[in-house]
């Protein structure tokens, strides 16, 4: 299912831990029995360009801030694997994180490599950052149903908590494992593709199969926001399909709170090739060809959204509301409508190796399961109104306190978001990414752009670096696409009448109730009141109407310096000009 750089293997997965352990650098971590854990799957196969432990520090710190307790380090048999594992283990120890190895059986052979797997576990099992569960060295896998587990344990020479990604539908015995990971975090047709009429296996049904097969042993439940891959004949691992995403990230977190598994694993931190990354684009990595659909497509909003849910999961709560610490809107959408026609320029219209059965020409297999919508999750301390303007479509929803999800019809043009209370705008801004009617780089791009609107900080730019952009133009049929980021840095927006971050996918440190019924009201009725005044000192400089969306009115002290030819916004409720 997954390939690596010469190779991309499965994407990085994150899982969380509510553990009682010593995080001193040189101490071993022993997680007490029945504590809950959150892991995140991290692809070692695409980070062979890292040269020190320090280059893992940012990933470790961001994950720890979220409440993720350990990275599952997905490895194959690349020449740089041991160097990168040593860096990762050292960085984890330096930052109070834990890690463990996840063996990728696209590269290891489950019928013959039991000794090699055991020896690798022994090689790293005594390191300070190694995760131990129930007094055992924790290890996992992607696939590996036929591994000789007793032979692996014998070669390891230490007690191993073996929790692999084996499959009950294959008839695999669960007798010799300590737990198991379910990788399939997306509704599917039962054959590793998007659901078809009459063939829909939900993620919840997958949960049930694993829980039954494990018969009381710990279950690692998957959590993932998206899946889209679009490798054409320019690489040897051509594949082109989607699983339905839409509001999956929101609904799955609420399922997790109800399911209460011992472990969860977020899929993934950095599998850019399959578009389910929640980590930053600027996290250093090689470009395996994914930059064609990941450039300018940050996902850090999903990172933001996971923090209160992880806290709720660790507390054993059913409702995320008490764990929301600030008002936040997290939103996502695709860069084009799904019916766009890119056949003349898309790289996958050419023949390619399809030995895997995963290659489809043109639009990705399963594209019909994706909705032409803008998705918004409101995380609110108190109730308010959420306004979404997508192109020419504007909808306002009555949002309760807590977490709720909203779907607005997607339109070509700017994407604007606002939160109002009591007739006033709390925060508002315009996304850095428009929805376009032009095929990006000539391609079908079903990846998601994800952003966050909050009043707590301005965030930071999240560009791919030179290594991450290396393969962008290879195989393209258009000459208008360059291997460089184009979004730029966040611009000021409006937040309680003061300068604040625009709606953006911020990468800074991260700061349910049942879904509410959507209610559409007229956005023209939402205006901001301000006391009348005669003259005052100049305050904000307003350079774009997006800074005062949705009211489109200046406040006392605002100075308008918009583009030439653009009409001056209205003054609100008698607001007087300022004195320069």
Protein backbone atom coordinates (compact mmCIF):
# COMPACT_ATOMS: atom_id res chain seq x y z
CA UNK A 1 0.00 0.00 0.00
CA UNK A 2 2.87 2.37 0.71
CA UNK A 3 6.21 2.99 -0.95
CA UNK A 4 9.43 4.57 0.22
CA UNK A 5 11.67 7.31 -1.27
CA UNK A 6 13.60 5.03 -3.41
CA UNK A 7 10.84 4.23 -1.35
CA UNK A 8 8.06 6.00 0.46
CA UNK A 9 6.58 3.55 3.01
CA UNK A 10 3.53 4.14 5.21
CA UNK A 11 3.07 7.62 6.50
CA UNK A 12 4.01 8.78 9.92
CA UNK A 13 1.47 8.01 12.58
CA UNK A 14 0.89 9.78 15.86
CA UNK A 15 -0.47 8.29 19.01
CA UNK A 16 -0.99 9.75 22.48
CA UNK A 17 -0.01 8.51 25.87
CA UNK A 18 -1.36 9.26 29.28
CA UNK A 19 1.63 7.72 30.99
CA UNK A 20 3.33 7.76 34.33
CA UNK A 21 6.96 7.78 33.26
CA UNK A 22 10.21 9.47 34.06
CA UNK A 23 11.19 11.88 31.28
CA UNK A 24 14.70 12.47 32.60
CA UNK A 25 17.11 12.15 29.71
CA UNK A 26 18.94 9.04 30.88
CA UNK A 27 16.08 7.16 32.49
CA UNK A 28 14.10 4.34 30.99
CA UNK A 29 10.37 4.83 30.41
CA UNK A 30 8.07 2.21 31.78
CA UNK A 31 4.40 2.89 31.07
CA UNK A 32 2.18 1.42 33.72
CA UNK A 33 -0.35 -1.22 32.78
CA UNK A 34 -3.61 0.06 31.23
CA UNK A 35 -2.40 3.64 30.73
CA UNK A 36 -3.65 5.20 27.49
CA UNK A 37 -1.13 6.12 24.80
CA UNK A 38 -1.14 8.42 21.75
CA UNK A 39 1.39 7.63 18.97
CA UNK A 40 2.21 9.35 15.69
CA UNK A 41 3.60 7.47 12.67
CA UNK A 42 6.77 9.09 11.36
CA UNK A 43 8.36 8.14 8.03
CA UNK A 44 12.11 7.62 8.35
CA UNK A 45 12.35 6.61 4.68
CA UNK A 46 11.95 10.20 3.39
CA UNK A 47 14.25 11.98 5.87
CA UNK A 48 17.63 10.64 4.81
CA UNK A 49 18.78 14.23 4.20
CA UNK A 50 18.92 15.00 7.93
CA UNK A 51 22.40 15.37 9.41
CA UNK A 52 21.93 15.62 13.17
CA UNK A 53 19.63 14.95 16.09
CA UNK A 54 18.89 18.68 16.20
CA UNK A 55 17.03 18.35 12.89
CA UNK A 56 14.42 16.24 14.69
CA UNK A 57 13.98 18.66 17.59
CA UNK A 58 11.21 20.74 16.05
CA UNK A 59 9.12 17.64 15.24
CA UNK A 60 9.61 16.30 18.77
CA UNK A 61 8.68 19.59 20.44
CA UNK A 62 5.58 20.17 18.32
CA UNK A 63 4.34 16.64 18.93
CA UNK A 64 4.94 16.87 22.68
CA UNK A 65 3.05 20.19 22.83
CA UNK A 66 0.03 18.47 21.29
CA UNK A 67 0.08 15.67 23.84
CA UNK A 68 1.56 13.05 21.51
CA UNK A 69 3.74 10.76 23.56
CA UNK A 70 5.70 8.72 21.05
CA UNK A 71 6.59 8.64 17.39
CA UNK A 72 6.28 5.30 15.61
CA UNK A 73 9.44 5.39 13.48
CA UNK A 74 8.57 3.62 10.23
CA UNK A 75 11.69 2.00 8.78
CA UNK A 76 12.69 0.00 5.75
CA UNK A 77 16.14 -1.23 4.83
CA UNK A 78 17.69 1.97 3.45
CA UNK A 79 21.41 2.54 3.94
CA UNK A 80 20.72 5.61 6.09
CA UNK A 81 18.18 3.96 8.40
CA UNK A 82 20.48 3.44 11.39
CA UNK A 83 21.94 6.95 11.18
CA UNK A 84 18.44 8.46 11.19
CA UNK A 85 17.20 6.18 13.97
CA UNK A 86 20.11 7.25 16.16
CA UNK A 87 19.35 10.91 15.48
CA UNK A 88 15.66 10.41 16.27
CA UNK A 89 16.31 8.51 19.50
CA UNK A 90 18.79 11.17 20.63
CA UNK A 91 16.42 14.03 19.85
CA UNK A 92 13.54 12.28 21.60
CA UNK A 93 15.65 11.84 24.74
CA UNK A 94 16.68 15.50 24.63
CA UNK A 95 13.05 16.65 24.34
CA UNK A 96 11.22 14.36 26.74
CA UNK A 97 9.59 12.34 23.95
CA UNK A 98 9.48 8.59 23.38
CA UNK A 99 9.91 6.63 20.17
CA UNK A 100 9.68 3.05 18.95
CA UNK A 101 10.37 1.20 15.71
CA UNK A 102 7.60 0.35 13.26
CA UNK A 103 8.89 -2.19 10.74
CA UNK A 104 7.66 -1.66 7.19
CA UNK A 105 7.06 -5.02 5.57
CA UNK A 106 7.06 -3.50 2.13
CA UNK A 107 10.84 -3.77 2.68
CA UNK A 108 11.32 -6.36 5.40
CA UNK A 109 10.18 -9.89 4.51
CA UNK A 110 7.84 -11.39 7.05
CA UNK A 111 8.56 -14.93 5.87
CA UNK A 112 12.34 -14.71 6.39
CA UNK A 113 13.33 -11.64 8.44
CA UNK A 114 12.17 -12.58 11.95
CA UNK A 115 15.75 -12.63 13.25
CA UNK A 116 16.58 -9.28 11.62
CA UNK A 117 13.50 -7.70 13.20
CA UNK A 118 14.37 -9.06 16.64
CA UNK A 119 17.99 -7.94 16.37
CA UNK A 120 16.93 -4.40 15.38
CA UNK A 121 14.60 -4.22 18.40
CA UNK A 122 17.50 -5.31 20.62
CA UNK A 123 19.81 -2.74 19.03
CA UNK A 124 17.64 0.19 20.11
CA UNK A 125 15.66 -1.26 23.00
CA UNK A 126 18.01 -0.05 25.73
CA UNK A 127 18.16 3.57 24.57
CA UNK A 128 16.73 6.18 26.98
CA UNK A 129 13.98 7.32 24.57
CA UNK A 130 12.72 3.81 23.82
CA UNK A 131 9.06 3.41 24.73
CA UNK A 132 8.41 0.57 27.16
CA UNK A 133 4.89 -0.63 27.91
CA UNK A 134 4.08 -3.01 30.74
CA UNK A 135 7.84 -3.42 31.27
CA UNK A 136 8.45 -4.50 27.66
CA UNK A 137 10.20 -2.85 24.70
CA UNK A 138 7.39 -1.60 22.46
CA UNK A 139 7.55 -2.30 18.69
CA UNK A 140 5.06 -2.27 15.84
CA UNK A 141 4.83 -2.66 12.07
CA UNK A 142 3.13 -1.91 8.81
CA UNK A 143 1.87 -5.33 7.61
CA UNK A 144 3.88 -8.47 8.50
CA UNK A 145 1.12 -11.02 9.01
CA UNK A 146 3.39 -14.04 8.41
CA UNK A 147 6.21 -13.04 10.77
CA UNK A 148 7.48 -15.86 12.99
CA UNK A 149 6.86 -14.03 16.26
CA UNK A 150 8.51 -16.60 18.59
CA UNK A 151 11.65 -16.47 16.41
CA UNK A 152 11.60 -12.66 16.52
CA UNK A 153 11.32 -12.67 20.31
CA UNK A 154 14.18 -15.16 20.61
CA UNK A 155 16.43 -12.99 18.42
CA UNK A 156 15.56 -9.87 20.41
CA UNK A 157 16.65 -11.41 23.69
CA UNK A 158 14.49 -8.91 25.60
CA UNK A 159 10.82 -8.79 26.50
CA UNK A 160 8.98 -7.25 23.53
CA UNK A 161 5.51 -5.70 23.50
CA UNK A 162 4.73 -6.64 19.89
CA UNK A 163 1.76 -4.69 18.46
CA UNK A 164 1.95 -5.14 14.67
CA UNK A 165 -0.39 -4.16 11.86
CA UNK A 166 -1.77 -7.62 11.15
CA UNK A 167 -5.18 -8.28 9.64
CA UNK A 168 -8.10 -10.30 11.01
CA UNK A 169 -9.65 -10.47 7.53
CA UNK A 170 -6.61 -12.51 6.38
CA UNK A 171 -7.25 -15.11 9.05
CA UNK A 172 -4.01 -14.17 10.84
CA UNK A 173 -3.66 -15.55 14.36
CA UNK A 174 -3.51 -12.95 17.14
CA UNK A 175 -2.27 -15.51 19.68
CA UNK A 176 1.39 -14.42 19.68
CA UNK A 177 0.93 -10.64 19.73
CA UNK A 178 0.54 -8.27 22.68
CA UNK A 179 -1.71 -5.85 20.76
CA UNK A 180 -2.40 -4.82 17.18
CA UNK A 181 -2.60 -1.73 14.97
CA UNK A 182 -5.39 -1.17 12.48
CA UNK A 183 -3.96 0.95 9.64
CA UNK A 184 -7.19 1.44 7.67
CA UNK A 185 -8.37 4.81 8.99
CA UNK A 186 -10.66 5.61 6.05
CA UNK A 187 -13.99 4.22 4.87
CA UNK A 188 -13.21 1.84 2.00
CA UNK A 189 -14.59 -0.84 -0.30
CA UNK A 190 -12.86 -3.72 1.48
CA UNK A 191 -10.20 -3.80 -1.25
CA UNK A 192 -8.04 -0.80 -0.34
CA UNK A 193 -9.99 1.72 -2.42
CA UNK A 194 -12.78 4.22 -1.85
CA UNK A 195 -16.27 2.83 -1.11
CA UNK A 196 -18.36 1.67 -4.05
CA UNK A 197 -22.12 1.14 -4.24
CA UNK A 198 -22.82 -1.93 -2.14
CA UNK A 199 -19.24 -2.06 -0.79
CA UNK A 200 -18.54 0.26 2.14
CA UNK A 201 -16.48 -0.83 5.14
CA UNK A 202 -16.51 1.97 7.69
CA UNK A 203 -13.63 2.71 10.05
CA UNK A 204 -15.92 1.84 12.96
CA UNK A 205 -16.56 -1.59 11.43
CA UNK A 206 -12.79 -2.05 11.25
CA UNK A 207 -12.58 -1.18 14.94
CA UNK A 208 -15.07 -3.93 15.74
CA UNK A 209 -13.13 -6.54 13.76
CA UNK A 210 -9.90 -5.78 15.59
CA UNK A 211 -11.47 -5.60 19.03
CA UNK A 212 -13.07 -8.98 18.45
CA UNK A 213 -9.85 -10.55 17.11
CA UNK A 214 -7.77 -9.16 19.98
CA UNK A 215 -10.13 -10.64 22.57
CA UNK A 216 -9.19 -8.18 25.29
CA UNK A 217 -5.63 -7.40 24.21
CA UNK A 218 -4.84 -3.71 23.59
CA UNK A 219 -6.04 -2.17 20.34
CA UNK A 220 -4.22 0.65 18.52
CA UNK A 221 -7.07 2.57 16.88
CA UNK A 222 -6.18 4.69 13.83
CA UNK A 223 -7.00 8.38 13.40
CA UNK A 224 -6.34 10.07 10.06
CA UNK A 225 -7.62 13.22 8.36
CA UNK A 226 -7.28 12.52 4.63
CA UNK A 227 -5.89 10.31 1.86
CA UNK A 228 -4.92 11.35 -1.66
CA UNK A 229 -2.01 10.13 -3.77
CA UNK A 230 -1.25 11.02 -7.39
CA UNK A 231 2.06 9.55 -8.57
CA UNK A 232 2.28 9.27 -12.35
CA UNK A 233 4.70 7.51 -14.73
CA UNK A 234 7.52 9.86 -13.69
CA UNK A 235 8.17 7.49 -10.75
CA UNK A 236 8.29 3.70 -10.45
CA UNK A 237 5.62 3.57 -7.73
CA UNK A 238 2.73 5.04 -9.73
CA UNK A 239 -0.58 5.17 -7.86
CA UNK A 240 -3.62 7.43 -8.00
CA UNK A 241 -6.59 7.26 -5.65
CA UNK A 242 -8.43 8.92 -2.76
CA UNK A 243 -10.32 7.72 0.25
CA UNK A 244 -13.26 9.90 1.32
CA UNK A 245 -12.01 12.66 3.64
CA UNK A 246 -14.43 15.58 4.02
CA UNK A 247 -15.21 15.73 7.80
CA UNK A 248 -13.42 12.47 8.65
CA UNK A 249 -10.96 14.16 11.05
CA UNK A 250 -13.80 15.60 13.15
CA UNK A 251 -16.03 12.52 13.17
CA UNK A 252 -13.16 10.12 13.89
CA UNK A 253 -12.00 12.03 16.95
CA UNK A 254 -15.50 11.87 18.37
CA UNK A 255 -15.60 8.12 17.65
CA UNK A 256 -12.31 7.73 19.52
CA UNK A 257 -13.71 9.46 22.61
CA UNK A 258 -16.61 7.01 22.61
CA UNK A 259 -14.52 3.91 21.77
CA UNK A 260 -11.87 4.53 24.46
CA UNK A 261 -9.12 2.25 23.12
CA UNK A 262 -5.93 1.91 25.15
CA UNK A 263 -3.83 3.28 22.27
CA UNK A 264 -4.47 5.54 19.29
CA UNK A 265 -2.19 6.18 16.34
CA UNK A 266 -2.46 9.27 14.16
CA UNK A 267 -1.77 8.52 10.52
CA UNK A 268 0.47 10.38 9.87
CA UNK A 269 3.04 13.04 10.81
CA UNK A 270 4.91 13.25 7.51
CA UNK A 271 3.60 10.93 4.80
CA UNK A 272 3.24 13.73 2.28
CA UNK A 273 2.88 11.28 -0.61
CA UNK A 274 -0.51 10.14 0.67
CA UNK A 275 -1.61 13.59 1.93
CA UNK A 276 -2.41 12.46 5.49
CA UNK A 277 0.40 14.48 7.08
CA UNK A 278 -0.41 16.70 10.06
CA UNK A 279 3.19 17.81 10.60
CA UNK A 280 4.71 20.90 8.95
CA UNK A 281 5.68 20.99 5.29
CA UNK A 282 8.98 22.51 6.36
CA UNK A 283 9.88 19.44 8.43
CA UNK A 284 12.97 18.42 6.44
CA UNK A 285 12.46 15.60 3.93
CA UNK A 286 13.25 14.41 0.44
CA UNK A 287 10.69 14.97 -2.32
CA UNK A 288 9.53 11.59 -3.61
CA UNK A 289 7.32 13.42 -6.15
CA UNK A 290 4.62 14.52 -3.70
CA UNK A 291 5.44 18.25 -3.98
CA UNK A 292 3.23 18.37 -7.07
CA UNK A 293 0.22 18.28 -4.74
CA UNK A 294 1.68 19.30 -1.35
CA UNK A 295 3.39 22.61 -2.26
CA UNK A 296 1.37 25.47 -0.69
CA UNK A 297 -0.92 22.92 1.00
CA UNK A 298 -0.17 23.05 4.77
CA UNK A 299 -2.11 20.86 7.19
CA UNK A 300 -1.17 22.44 10.52
CA UNK A 301 -4.81 23.30 11.24
CA UNK A 302 -5.42 19.58 11.76
CA UNK A 303 -2.49 19.61 14.17
CA UNK A 304 -4.17 22.47 16.07
CA UNK A 305 -7.52 20.71 16.20
CA UNK A 306 -6.10 17.49 17.65
CA UNK A 307 -4.80 19.08 20.86
CA UNK A 308 -8.08 19.36 22.82
CA UNK A 309 -9.20 15.97 21.53
CA UNK A 310 -5.97 14.33 22.70
CA UNK A 311 -6.45 15.92 26.13
CA UNK A 312 -10.03 14.64 26.27
CA UNK A 313 -8.95 11.15 25.18
CA UNK A 314 -6.30 10.95 27.89
CA UNK A 315 -8.82 12.08 30.49
CA UNK A 316 -11.31 9.41 29.41
CA UNK A 317 -13.87 12.12 28.58
CA UNK A 318 -16.73 11.78 26.12
CA UNK A 319 -16.96 15.54 25.50
CA UNK A 320 -14.09 17.73 24.26
CA UNK A 321 -15.68 20.99 25.48
CA UNK A 322 -13.81 21.29 28.82
CA UNK A 323 -10.49 20.94 26.98
CA UNK A 324 -11.01 23.85 24.57
CA UNK A 325 -8.86 26.71 25.86
CA UNK A 326 -9.51 29.36 23.20
CA UNK A 327 -11.89 30.18 20.35
CA UNK A 328 -10.65 28.58 17.17
CA UNK A 329 -11.95 27.88 13.67
CA UNK A 330 -10.19 25.14 11.76
CA UNK A 331 -11.12 24.91 8.08
CA UNK A 332 -10.13 22.95 5.01
CA UNK A 333 -11.03 22.62 1.35
CA UNK A 334 -9.57 21.38 -1.93
CA UNK A 335 -7.92 23.85 -4.35
CA UNK A 336 -10.44 23.18 -7.17
CA UNK A 337 -13.94 21.85 -7.65
CA UNK A 338 -14.03 18.14 -8.34
CA UNK A 339 -15.54 18.43 -11.84
CA UNK A 340 -12.60 20.44 -13.22
CA UNK A 341 -11.15 18.86 -16.38
CA UNK A 342 -7.35 18.49 -16.33
CA UNK A 343 -7.09 15.57 -18.76
CA UNK A 344 -5.05 17.55 -21.28
CA UNK A 345 -2.22 18.25 -18.82
CA UNK A 346 -2.40 15.76 -15.93
CA UNK A 347 0.63 13.50 -15.61
CA UNK A 348 -1.44 10.40 -14.85
CA UNK A 349 -3.09 10.42 -18.28
CA UNK A 350 -0.06 8.51 -19.59
CA UNK A 351 0.52 4.76 -19.23
CA UNK A 352 2.46 3.61 -16.17
CA UNK A 353 3.42 0.44 -14.35
CA UNK A 354 0.26 -0.85 -12.66
CA UNK A 355 1.50 -4.06 -11.12
CA UNK A 356 0.03 -2.89 -7.82
CA UNK A 357 -3.42 -2.25 -9.26
CA UNK A 358 -3.32 1.22 -7.68
CA UNK A 359 -2.79 3.28 -10.83
CA UNK A 360 -5.73 4.99 -12.49
CA UNK A 361 -5.58 7.50 -15.32
CA UNK A 362 -6.78 11.07 -14.82
CA UNK A 363 -8.95 11.82 -11.81
CA UNK A 364 -8.03 9.69 -8.81
CA UNK A 365 -10.08 6.59 -8.20
CA UNK A 366 -12.79 7.50 -5.68
CA UNK A 367 -13.00 11.19 -6.66
CA UNK A 368 -16.79 10.98 -6.69
CA UNK A 369 -16.81 10.39 -2.91
CA UNK A 370 -15.41 13.90 -2.26
CA UNK A 371 -17.82 16.79 -1.67
CA UNK A 372 -17.41 20.26 -3.21
CA UNK A 373 -17.51 21.87 0.21
CA UNK A 374 -15.58 24.03 2.62
CA UNK A 375 -15.35 22.26 5.96
CA UNK A 376 -15.13 24.18 9.23
CA UNK A 377 -14.81 22.91 12.78
CA UNK A 378 -15.59 25.48 15.46
CA UNK A 379 -13.90 25.03 18.84
CA UNK A 380 -15.56 27.64 21.02
CA UNK A 381 -15.51 28.62 24.68
CA UNK A 382 -19.02 30.09 24.32
CA UNK A 383 -21.60 30.01 21.54
CA UNK A 384 -21.30 32.30 18.53
CA UNK A 385 -22.01 32.63 14.83
CA UNK A 386 -19.60 31.25 12.23
CA UNK A 387 -19.66 32.90 8.79
CA UNK A 388 -18.07 31.26 5.77
CA UNK A 389 -17.74 33.06 2.43
CA UNK A 390 -16.51 30.82 -0.39
CA UNK A 391 -16.34 32.68 -3.67
CA UNK A 392 -19.82 34.10 -4.05
CA UNK A 393 -21.40 31.77 -1.47
CA UNK A 394 -21.89 33.06 2.08
CA UNK A 395 -23.44 31.07 4.92
CA UNK A 396 -23.67 31.74 8.64
CA UNK A 397 -24.13 29.02 11.23
CA UNK A 398 -25.20 29.19 14.88
CA UNK A 399 -22.33 27.43 16.65
CA UNK A 400 -22.64 26.11 20.21
CA UNK A 401 -19.93 26.11 22.84
CA UNK A 402 -17.66 23.13 22.32
CA UNK A 403 -16.84 21.44 19.03
CA UNK A 404 -19.15 21.46 16.02
CA UNK A 405 -18.69 20.90 12.30
CA UNK A 406 -20.03 22.94 9.41
CA UNK A 407 -20.16 22.44 5.66
CA UNK A 408 -20.50 25.34 3.22
CA UNK A 409 -20.84 25.15 -0.56
CA UNK A 410 -17.42 25.71 -2.14
CA UNK A 411 -17.06 28.45 -4.74
CA UNK A 412 -14.23 29.72 -6.91
CA UNK A 413 -12.44 32.72 -5.40
CA UNK A 414 -11.43 33.92 -1.95
CA UNK A 415 -12.26 31.92 1.16
CA UNK A 416 -13.23 34.05 4.18
CA UNK A 417 -14.04 33.08 7.76
CA UNK A 418 -15.42 34.96 10.76
CA UNK A 419 -16.71 34.43 14.27
CA UNK A 420 -19.30 36.83 15.71
CA UNK A 421 -21.00 37.19 19.09
CA UNK A 422 -23.70 39.57 20.24
CA UNK A 423 -23.71 41.40 16.91
CA UNK A 424 -19.94 42.03 16.97
CA UNK A 425 -17.07 40.38 15.14
CA UNK A 426 -14.74 38.44 17.43
CA UNK A 427 -12.25 37.51 14.69
CA UNK A 428 -12.23 37.36 10.91
CA UNK A 429 -9.82 36.96 8.03
CA UNK A 430 -9.21 35.66 4.52
CA UNK A 431 -7.39 32.43 3.76
CA UNK A 432 -4.08 32.62 1.93
CA UNK A 433 -5.37 30.05 -0.60
CA UNK A 434 -8.13 30.74 -3.14
CA UNK A 435 -10.24 28.08 -4.80
CA UNK A 436 -9.28 28.17 -8.47
CA UNK A 437 -10.83 27.20 -11.80
CA UNK A 438 -7.35 26.42 -13.19
CA UNK A 439 -5.70 23.01 -12.80
CA UNK A 440 -2.80 23.54 -10.32
CA UNK A 441 0.43 22.67 -12.15
CA UNK A 442 -1.86 21.13 -14.77
CA UNK A 443 -2.90 18.40 -12.33
CA UNK A 444 -5.87 16.95 -10.54
CA UNK A 445 -5.11 17.95 -6.94
CA UNK A 446 -7.45 16.42 -4.37
CA UNK A 447 -5.25 17.33 -1.40
CA UNK A 448 -6.68 19.67 1.25
CA UNK A 449 -5.56 23.16 2.22
CA UNK A 450 -5.99 23.45 5.99
CA UNK A 451 -5.99 26.63 8.05
CA UNK A 452 -6.75 27.99 11.49
CA UNK A 453 -8.36 31.24 12.64
CA UNK A 454 -7.56 32.23 16.23
CA UNK A 455 -6.75 35.32 18.25
CA UNK A 456 -3.79 33.82 20.12
CA UNK A 457 -0.98 34.28 17.62
CA UNK A 458 0.01 35.08 14.07
CA UNK A 459 1.50 31.71 13.20
CA UNK A 460 4.33 31.38 10.74
CA UNK A 461 4.90 30.49 7.12
CA UNK A 462 5.18 26.76 6.34
CA UNK A 463 7.04 26.41 3.03
CA UNK A 464 8.64 23.33 1.52
CA UNK A 465 12.42 23.72 1.35
CA UNK A 466 14.66 22.92 -1.63
CA UNK A 467 14.82 19.18 -0.84
CA UNK A 468 11.05 19.07 -0.43
CA UNK A 469 10.53 20.74 -3.83
CA UNK A 470 13.18 18.83 -5.78
CA UNK A 471 10.85 16.72 -7.95
CA UNK A 472 8.00 19.19 -8.45
CA UNK A 473 8.54 19.92 -12.15
CA UNK A 474 9.62 16.41 -13.18
CA UNK A 475 7.07 15.04 -15.63
CA UNK A 476 4.85 18.13 -15.68
CA UNK A 477 3.15 18.98 -18.97
CA UNK A 478 2.92 22.70 -18.20
CA UNK A 479 5.74 25.24 -17.98
CA UNK A 480 3.95 27.74 -15.74
CA UNK A 481 4.58 25.88 -12.47
CA UNK A 482 7.82 26.60 -10.60
CA UNK A 483 9.43 24.68 -7.75
CA UNK A 484 8.90 27.33 -5.10
CA UNK A 485 6.30 28.20 -2.45
CA UNK A 486 3.88 31.00 -3.34
CA UNK A 487 1.68 31.56 -0.29
CA UNK A 488 3.98 33.90 1.61
CA UNK A 489 3.51 34.81 5.27
CA UNK A 490 0.24 35.43 7.10
CA UNK A 491 -1.21 38.93 6.75
CA UNK A 492 -3.03 40.90 9.46
CA UNK A 493 -6.71 40.17 9.94
CA UNK A 494 -9.33 41.52 12.34
CA UNK A 495 -9.62 40.30 15.90
CA UNK A 496 -11.70 42.21 18.45
CA UNK A 497 -10.94 45.41 16.56
CA UNK A 498 -7.16 44.95 16.77
CA UNK A 499 -4.54 43.61 14.41
CA UNK A 500 -4.52 39.83 14.49
CA UNK A 501 -3.54 36.83 12.37
CA UNK A 502 -5.31 36.17 9.11
CA UNK A 503 -7.01 32.85 8.60
CA UNK A 504 -3.96 30.77 7.84
CA UNK A 505 -2.40 27.41 8.45
CA UNK A 506 -0.27 28.40 11.39
CA UNK A 507 2.68 26.32 12.49
CA UNK A 508 3.28 27.91 15.88
CA UNK A 509 2.90 26.07 19.18
CA UNK A 510 -0.59 24.85 19.71
CA UNK A 511 -2.34 26.38 22.02
CA UNK A 512 -17.67 17.29 21.71
CA UNK A 513 -20.39 17.98 22.10
CA UNK A 514 -22.74 16.43 19.49
CA UNK A 515 -22.69 18.24 16.14
CA UNK A 516 -24.99 21.24 16.16
CA UNK A 517 -27.73 21.75 13.64
CA UNK A 518 -26.69 24.19 10.95
CA UNK A 519 -28.74 27.37 10.74
CA UNK A 520 -28.29 29.75 7.83
CA UNK A 521 -28.94 33.43 8.52
CA UNK A 522 -28.37 36.56 6.52
CA UNK A 523 -24.79 37.74 6.82
CA UNK A 524 -25.90 41.29 6.03
CA UNK A 525 -27.54 41.53 9.43
CA UNK A 526 -24.22 41.11 11.23
CA UNK A 527 -22.65 44.50 11.87
CA UNK A 528 -20.31 45.76 14.53
CA UNK A 529 -21.37 48.56 16.82
CA UNK A 530 -18.94 51.22 18.05
CA UNK A 531 -19.49 54.24 20.24
CA UNK A 532 -19.89 57.55 18.43
CA UNK A 533 -16.91 59.85 18.62
CA UNK A 534 -15.72 63.03 16.98
CA UNK A 535 -12.01 62.55 16.45
CA UNK A 536 -9.27 60.31 17.77
CA UNK A 537 -5.73 59.20 17.05
CA UNK A 538 -5.19 56.84 14.14
CA UNK A 539 -4.99 53.13 15.02
CA UNK A 540 -5.11 50.22 12.55
CA UNK A 541 -4.12 50.66 8.95
CA UNK A 542 -6.57 48.69 6.77
CA UNK A 543 -5.19 47.67 3.38
CA UNK A 544 -7.79 45.11 2.25
CA UNK A 545 -11.48 44.53 2.78
CA UNK A 546 -10.67 41.02 3.96
CA UNK A 547 -9.38 42.56 7.21
CA UNK A 548 -12.88 43.78 8.07
CA UNK A 549 -14.90 40.86 6.65
CA UNK A 550 -17.82 40.25 7.11
CA UNK A 551 -18.98 43.71 8.27
CA UNK A 552 -17.02 45.68 5.62
CA UNK A 553 -16.99 48.72 7.89
CA UNK A 554 -14.23 50.75 9.47
CA UNK A 555 -14.00 51.23 13.21
CA UNK A 556 -13.07 54.42 15.09
CA UNK A 557 -9.40 55.15 14.47
CA UNK A 558 -9.07 52.95 11.37
CA UNK A 559 -7.10 54.32 8.42
CA UNK A 560 -8.06 53.05 4.95
CA UNK A 561 -5.15 52.51 2.56
CA UNK A 562 -6.65 50.00 0.19
CA UNK A 563 -5.72 49.42 -3.45
CA UNK A 564 -6.23 52.30 -5.85
CA UNK A 565 -9.66 52.17 -7.43
CA UNK A 566 -11.18 50.07 -4.67
CA UNK A 567 -14.08 51.76 -2.96
CA UNK A 568 -13.64 52.90 0.61
CA UNK A 569 -15.53 50.73 3.13
CA UNK A 570 -18.46 52.12 5.06
CA UNK A 571 -18.00 53.80 8.42
CA UNK A 572 -19.89 51.96 11.17
CA UNK A 573 -22.43 53.56 13.45
CA UNK A 574 -21.11 57.08 13.28
CA UNK A 575 -17.41 56.24 13.58
CA UNK A 576 -15.50 59.46 13.00
CA UNK A 577 -12.30 59.89 11.00
CA UNK A 578 -9.06 59.72 12.93
CA UNK A 579 -6.57 62.54 13.30
CA UNK A 580 -3.30 61.71 11.47
